């Protein structure tokens, strides 16, 4: 190897290790789901005036019950910042709706 290529290699390595890490963006951009995705279908079901139960959502989206609960808590509440209300209805069980 020539001396110039060896020097370039060590200077690149030094540049990587010397400086402080690049600062990350202060706020995270809120993403929106695609029009035909299952996440957008889930949001549409929760926006209905009657709301939806976990069993109804699981049947419509072909998901397991734990997947519905995880999507509501993770994707909708944490990532998208949506508020989900729930209430117990006598004939349907627990019904979930998006808060206005």
Protein backbone atom coordinates (compact mmCIF):
# COMPACT_ATOMS: atom_id res chain seq x y z
CA UNK A 1 0.00 0.00 0.00
CA UNK A 2 1.08 3.48 -0.65
CA UNK A 3 1.49 5.95 2.15
CA UNK A 4 -1.29 8.24 0.85
CA UNK A 5 -3.96 5.53 0.95
CA UNK A 6 -2.88 4.49 4.45
CA UNK A 7 -3.04 8.10 5.66
CA UNK A 8 -6.49 8.58 4.16
CA UNK A 9 -7.69 5.46 5.90
CA UNK A 10 -6.44 6.55 9.32
CA UNK A 11 -7.80 10.07 8.93
CA UNK A 12 -11.26 8.68 8.10
CA UNK A 13 -11.11 6.47 11.17
CA UNK A 14 -9.97 9.36 13.34
CA UNK A 15 -12.76 11.56 11.99
CA UNK A 16 -15.32 8.93 12.94
CA UNK A 17 -14.05 8.49 16.48
CA UNK A 18 -13.09 12.08 17.36
CA UNK A 19 -16.19 14.22 17.01
CA UNK A 20 -19.33 14.08 19.04
CA UNK A 21 -22.31 12.23 17.68
CA UNK A 22 -24.56 14.18 15.37
CA UNK A 23 -27.55 15.64 17.20
CA UNK A 24 -30.87 14.03 16.35
CA UNK A 25 -33.93 15.98 15.35
CA UNK A 26 -35.70 17.52 18.34
CA UNK A 27 -39.15 16.31 17.33
CA UNK A 28 -40.23 13.23 15.47
CA UNK A 29 -42.45 13.73 12.46
CA UNK A 30 -45.83 12.08 12.89
CA UNK A 31 -46.43 9.62 10.12
CA UNK A 32 -49.78 8.87 8.58
CA UNK A 33 -50.88 5.43 7.44
CA UNK A 34 -51.36 4.60 3.76
CA UNK A 35 -54.92 4.70 2.44
CA UNK A 36 -55.45 0.94 2.05
CA UNK A 37 -53.32 -0.35 4.93
CA UNK A 38 -54.66 -2.38 7.82
CA UNK A 39 -53.69 0.43 10.16
CA UNK A 40 -55.90 2.86 8.23
CA UNK A 41 -58.71 0.29 8.28
CA UNK A 42 -58.30 0.01 12.05
CA UNK A 43 -58.52 3.80 12.41
CA UNK A 44 -61.63 3.87 10.22
CA UNK A 45 -63.31 1.23 12.40
CA UNK A 46 -62.50 3.18 15.55
CA UNK A 47 -63.84 6.42 14.02
CA UNK A 48 -67.30 4.93 13.48
CA UNK A 49 -69.93 6.32 15.87
CA UNK A 50 -70.59 2.81 17.22
CA UNK A 51 -66.87 2.09 17.65
CA UNK A 52 -65.57 -1.47 17.47
CA UNK A 53 -64.73 -4.31 19.79
CA UNK A 54 -61.41 -6.12 19.69
CA UNK A 55 -63.12 -9.24 18.37
CA UNK A 56 -64.78 -7.29 15.52
CA UNK A 57 -61.47 -5.67 14.55
CA UNK A 58 -59.62 -9.01 14.68
CA UNK A 59 -62.21 -10.63 12.43
CA UNK A 60 -62.23 -7.77 9.90
CA UNK A 61 -58.44 -7.48 9.67
CA UNK A 62 -57.65 -11.22 10.06
CA UNK A 63 -55.50 -10.49 13.12
CA UNK A 64 -55.09 -12.23 16.45
CA UNK A 65 -56.58 -10.50 19.50
CA UNK A 66 -53.17 -9.62 20.95
CA UNK A 67 -52.18 -8.01 17.65
CA UNK A 68 -55.19 -5.69 17.80
CA UNK A 69 -54.37 -4.67 21.37
CA UNK A 70 -50.74 -4.10 20.45
CA UNK A 71 -51.58 -2.03 17.39
CA UNK A 72 -53.93 0.16 19.40
CA UNK A 73 -51.43 0.78 22.19
CA UNK A 74 -48.25 0.96 20.10
CA UNK A 75 -49.05 2.32 16.68
CA UNK A 76 -52.11 4.42 17.44
CA UNK A 77 -51.44 5.71 20.94
CA UNK A 78 -47.66 5.93 21.10
CA UNK A 79 -46.60 6.58 17.51
CA UNK A 80 -49.57 8.52 16.12
CA UNK A 81 -50.57 10.15 19.41
CA UNK A 82 -54.25 9.26 19.08
CA UNK A 83 -56.52 9.00 22.12
CA UNK A 84 -58.67 5.88 22.35
CA UNK A 85 -61.70 5.79 24.63
CA UNK A 86 -63.36 2.58 25.74
CA UNK A 87 -66.64 1.81 27.40
CA UNK A 88 -68.46 -1.32 28.36
CA UNK A 89 -71.68 -1.87 26.39
CA UNK A 90 -74.17 -4.43 27.70
CA UNK A 91 -74.72 -6.47 24.55
CA UNK A 92 -71.30 -6.02 22.85
CA UNK A 93 -68.74 -5.94 25.62
CA UNK A 94 -65.92 -3.37 25.66
CA UNK A 95 -66.17 -0.97 22.71
CA UNK A 96 -63.26 1.22 21.58
CA UNK A 97 -63.54 4.59 19.80
CA UNK A 98 -61.17 7.36 18.82
CA UNK A 99 -61.63 10.42 21.02
CA UNK A 100 -62.59 13.60 19.22
